[in-house]
Protein backbone atom coordinates (compact mmCIF):
# COMPACT_ATOMS: atom_id res chain seq x y z
CA MET A 1 81.92 -45.39 261.32
CA SER A 2 78.34 -44.83 260.73
CA THR A 3 77.56 -41.62 258.64
CA ALA A 4 73.75 -41.87 259.82
CA ASN A 5 74.54 -39.06 262.43
CA LEU A 6 76.57 -36.79 259.87
CA ALA A 7 75.49 -33.13 260.06
CA VAL A 8 77.01 -29.94 258.62
CA ARG A 9 76.82 -26.36 260.13
CA PRO A 10 78.16 -23.30 258.22
CA LEU A 11 81.39 -21.77 259.02
CA THR A 12 80.74 -18.90 261.42
CA ARG A 13 82.46 -17.30 264.32
CA ASP A 14 80.53 -19.94 266.29
CA THR A 15 82.10 -22.87 264.40
CA TRP A 16 85.36 -21.39 263.88
CA ASP A 17 87.10 -23.59 266.68
CA ASP A 18 85.61 -26.68 265.25
CA PHE A 19 86.87 -25.78 261.58
CA GLU A 20 90.49 -25.34 263.40
CA THR A 21 90.07 -28.71 264.94
CA VAL A 22 89.35 -30.21 261.55
CA MET A 23 92.24 -28.45 259.72
CA GLY A 24 94.77 -28.95 262.19
CA ALA A 25 97.83 -27.07 263.19
CA ASN A 26 98.94 -26.88 259.41
CA GLY A 27 95.67 -25.37 258.29
CA GLY A 28 94.88 -28.26 256.25
CA ALA A 29 97.67 -28.80 253.57
CA ARG A 30 100.72 -26.55 253.87
CA GLY A 31 99.23 -23.54 255.60
CA CYS A 32 96.30 -23.53 252.95
CA TRP A 33 93.35 -22.77 255.28
CA CYS A 34 91.21 -23.42 252.27
CA MET A 35 92.32 -20.23 250.66
CA HIS A 36 94.08 -21.89 247.63
CA TRP A 37 91.31 -20.99 244.85
CA ARG A 38 90.33 -17.66 246.58
CA LEU A 39 93.91 -15.88 246.13
CA SER A 40 96.43 -15.58 243.52
CA MET A 41 99.30 -17.96 243.93
CA ASP A 42 101.51 -14.94 245.05
CA GLU A 43 99.04 -13.84 247.52
CA TRP A 44 98.48 -17.61 248.89
CA MET A 45 102.21 -18.03 249.22
CA GLU A 46 102.60 -14.79 251.18
CA GLY A 47 99.67 -15.62 253.44
CA LYS A 48 100.66 -19.20 253.84
CA GLY A 49 99.92 -20.35 257.27
CA ASP A 50 98.62 -17.32 259.56
CA GLY A 51 97.82 -14.98 256.70
CA ASN A 52 95.70 -17.60 255.01
CA LYS A 53 93.99 -18.50 258.49
CA ALA A 54 93.25 -14.81 258.98
CA ALA A 55 91.83 -14.33 255.56
CA MET A 56 89.43 -17.39 256.05
CA ARG A 57 88.45 -16.18 259.47
CA ASP A 58 87.37 -12.72 257.85
CA LEU A 59 85.23 -14.82 255.28
CA ALA A 60 83.68 -16.70 258.19
CA GLU A 61 82.51 -13.51 259.59
CA ARG A 62 80.48 -12.60 256.49
CA LYS A 63 76.79 -13.17 256.02
CA THR A 64 77.39 -16.01 253.37
CA PRO A 65 79.62 -18.75 254.74
CA PRO A 66 82.61 -20.00 252.86
CA GLY A 67 81.68 -23.49 253.62
CA VAL A 68 80.42 -25.84 256.14
CA VAL A 69 82.07 -27.94 259.12
CA ALA A 70 80.90 -31.74 259.17
CA TYR A 71 80.23 -33.43 262.38
CA VAL A 72 79.45 -37.18 263.56
CA ASP A 73 77.87 -37.08 266.74
CA ASP A 74 78.90 -33.58 267.48
CA GLU A 75 82.44 -34.27 266.82
CA PRO A 76 83.88 -32.02 264.00
CA ILE A 77 85.37 -34.54 261.50
CA ALA A 78 85.41 -32.77 257.86
CA TRP A 79 85.22 -29.48 256.01
CA CYS A 80 83.77 -28.53 252.75
CA GLY A 81 84.71 -25.19 251.07
CA PHE A 82 82.25 -23.62 248.51
CA GLY A 83 80.92 -20.47 247.15
CA ASP A 84 79.74 -18.97 243.89
CA ARG A 85 82.15 -19.52 241.02
CA SER A 86 83.00 -15.83 241.20
CA ASP A 87 84.55 -16.32 244.64
CA PHE A 88 87.44 -18.34 243.16
CA PRO A 89 89.37 -16.02 240.83
CA ARG A 90 92.13 -18.44 240.58
CA MET A 91 89.80 -21.27 239.21
CA GLN A 92 88.63 -18.36 236.79
CA ARG A 93 92.05 -18.08 235.21
CA SER A 94 92.79 -21.68 235.40
CA SER A 95 93.05 -23.25 231.90
CA LEU A 96 92.03 -26.49 233.60
CA LEU A 97 89.09 -25.39 235.51
CA LYS A 98 87.87 -22.14 233.74
CA PRO A 99 84.01 -22.10 233.20
CA ILE A 100 82.61 -24.33 230.67
CA ASP A 101 79.45 -22.29 230.12
CA ASP A 102 77.48 -19.44 231.77
CA GLU A 103 75.17 -21.41 233.97
CA PRO A 104 75.48 -19.89 237.77
CA VAL A 105 76.87 -22.72 239.85
CA ILE A 106 78.07 -23.17 243.46
CA SER A 107 81.45 -24.46 243.24
CA LEU A 108 82.58 -27.13 245.70
CA THR A 109 86.47 -26.45 245.81
CA CYS A 110 87.71 -28.38 248.86
CA LEU A 111 86.81 -31.59 250.79
CA PHE A 112 88.98 -32.13 253.74
CA ILE A 113 88.64 -35.04 256.16
CA LYS A 114 90.36 -34.79 259.71
CA LYS A 115 93.12 -37.06 260.34
CA GLY A 116 91.79 -40.27 262.05
CA HIS A 117 88.59 -40.23 260.03
CA ARG A 118 90.18 -40.78 256.49
CA GLY A 119 89.61 -44.11 254.86
CA GLU A 120 86.20 -44.51 256.75
CA GLY A 121 83.96 -43.92 253.52
CA LEU A 122 82.92 -40.46 254.55
CA CYS A 123 83.27 -38.69 251.15
CA SER A 124 80.10 -39.62 249.45
CA ALA A 125 78.01 -38.94 252.60
CA LEU A 126 79.88 -35.54 253.14
CA ILE A 127 79.05 -34.66 249.66
CA VAL A 128 75.46 -35.71 250.03
CA ALA A 129 75.23 -33.59 253.37
CA VAL A 130 76.63 -30.42 251.69
CA CYS A 131 74.31 -30.70 248.74
CA ASP A 132 71.19 -31.03 250.96
CA HIS A 133 72.58 -28.10 253.05
CA LEU A 134 72.89 -25.98 249.68
CA ALA A 135 69.41 -27.05 248.49
CA GLU A 136 67.88 -25.50 251.67
CA THR A 137 70.01 -22.42 251.86
CA SER A 138 71.01 -21.40 248.49
CA GLY A 139 69.12 -19.85 245.35
CA THR A 140 71.55 -21.41 242.97
CA ARG A 141 70.37 -24.56 241.29
CA THR A 142 73.46 -26.29 240.33
CA VAL A 143 76.40 -27.66 242.34
CA GLU A 144 79.66 -27.98 240.34
CA ALA A 145 82.96 -30.10 241.43
CA TYR A 146 86.24 -30.41 240.11
CA PRO A 147 87.46 -34.02 241.45
CA VAL A 148 90.32 -35.95 240.35
CA ASP A 149 89.88 -39.23 238.76
CA PRO A 150 93.37 -41.00 239.35
CA ALA A 151 94.24 -43.81 236.85
CA LYS A 152 93.17 -47.43 237.79
CA GLY A 153 95.42 -48.57 240.49
CA ARG A 154 96.93 -45.23 241.41
CA LYS A 155 95.94 -42.77 244.36
CA ALA A 156 95.50 -39.15 244.24
CA GLY A 157 98.23 -36.99 245.75
CA ALA A 158 97.69 -34.87 248.68
CA ASP A 159 98.11 -31.66 246.60
CA ASN A 160 95.40 -32.56 244.09
CA ALA A 161 93.04 -34.69 246.22
CA MET A 162 91.77 -31.45 247.92
CA THR A 163 88.91 -31.17 245.29
CA GLY A 164 87.85 -34.64 245.96
CA ILE A 165 87.85 -38.01 244.16
CA ALA A 166 85.58 -38.46 241.12
CA SER A 167 84.07 -41.79 242.44
CA ALA A 168 82.74 -40.23 245.66
CA PHE A 169 80.93 -37.62 243.44
CA VAL A 170 79.60 -40.21 241.18
CA ALA A 171 78.46 -42.27 244.35
CA ALA A 172 76.73 -38.79 245.55
CA GLY A 173 74.82 -38.57 242.33
CA PHE A 174 76.79 -36.11 240.28
CA THR A 175 77.15 -36.40 236.62
CA GLU A 176 80.32 -35.71 234.60
CA ILE A 177 79.84 -32.65 232.20
CA ALA A 178 83.27 -32.05 230.91
CA ARG A 179 86.75 -33.65 231.07
CA PRO A 180 89.18 -30.91 230.32
CA ARG A 181 92.18 -33.38 231.06
CA SER A 182 92.07 -37.19 231.44
CA ASP A 183 92.34 -37.16 235.26
CA ARG A 184 90.01 -34.07 235.99
CA PRO A 185 86.47 -34.30 235.17
CA VAL A 186 84.08 -31.31 235.87
CA MET A 187 80.96 -32.69 237.55
CA ARG A 188 77.58 -31.35 238.35
CA TYR A 189 74.51 -32.00 240.72
CA SER A 190 71.02 -30.45 240.30
CA LEU A 191 69.73 -29.24 243.79
CA ARG A 192 66.04 -28.90 242.45
């Protein structure tokens, strides 16, 4: 698939149906609806499915969108969740993903490609499109990501690949700035 026609649009009430199309009936993985980092584990489990979906819909109604839906030739094919680091309290408490410094960042927390479009080399193009969008719409200068870096010859599991794969971020121009665990780099990209 060519990514030349890849475009992103903020998640709002106007793009909500497209977001649902990308996420599918399960809301991504296990009823998440991209609320994993935004809630405590108890809140996330309690809202699993319809509750998490309703919580994300509320976020889509706000002035600052919680992410973007990606399209190829007007077909919704992917999602990227992001926000100010403070939008993700669970990440703030994580020993693995806690802040490494005081620099204000936009955190990319979820990359989700719709079934039927996975394995087509879309990840790096999606990351670039999201960063281009953020460069135009955000006052923050730095994007931070928390991908997995599976051991050579191994694949990331569905539960931890939601943050993306390190090689896709490298291809998109990100630089590793920390590695709190052997398979979890923290990577950054300067928007300006």
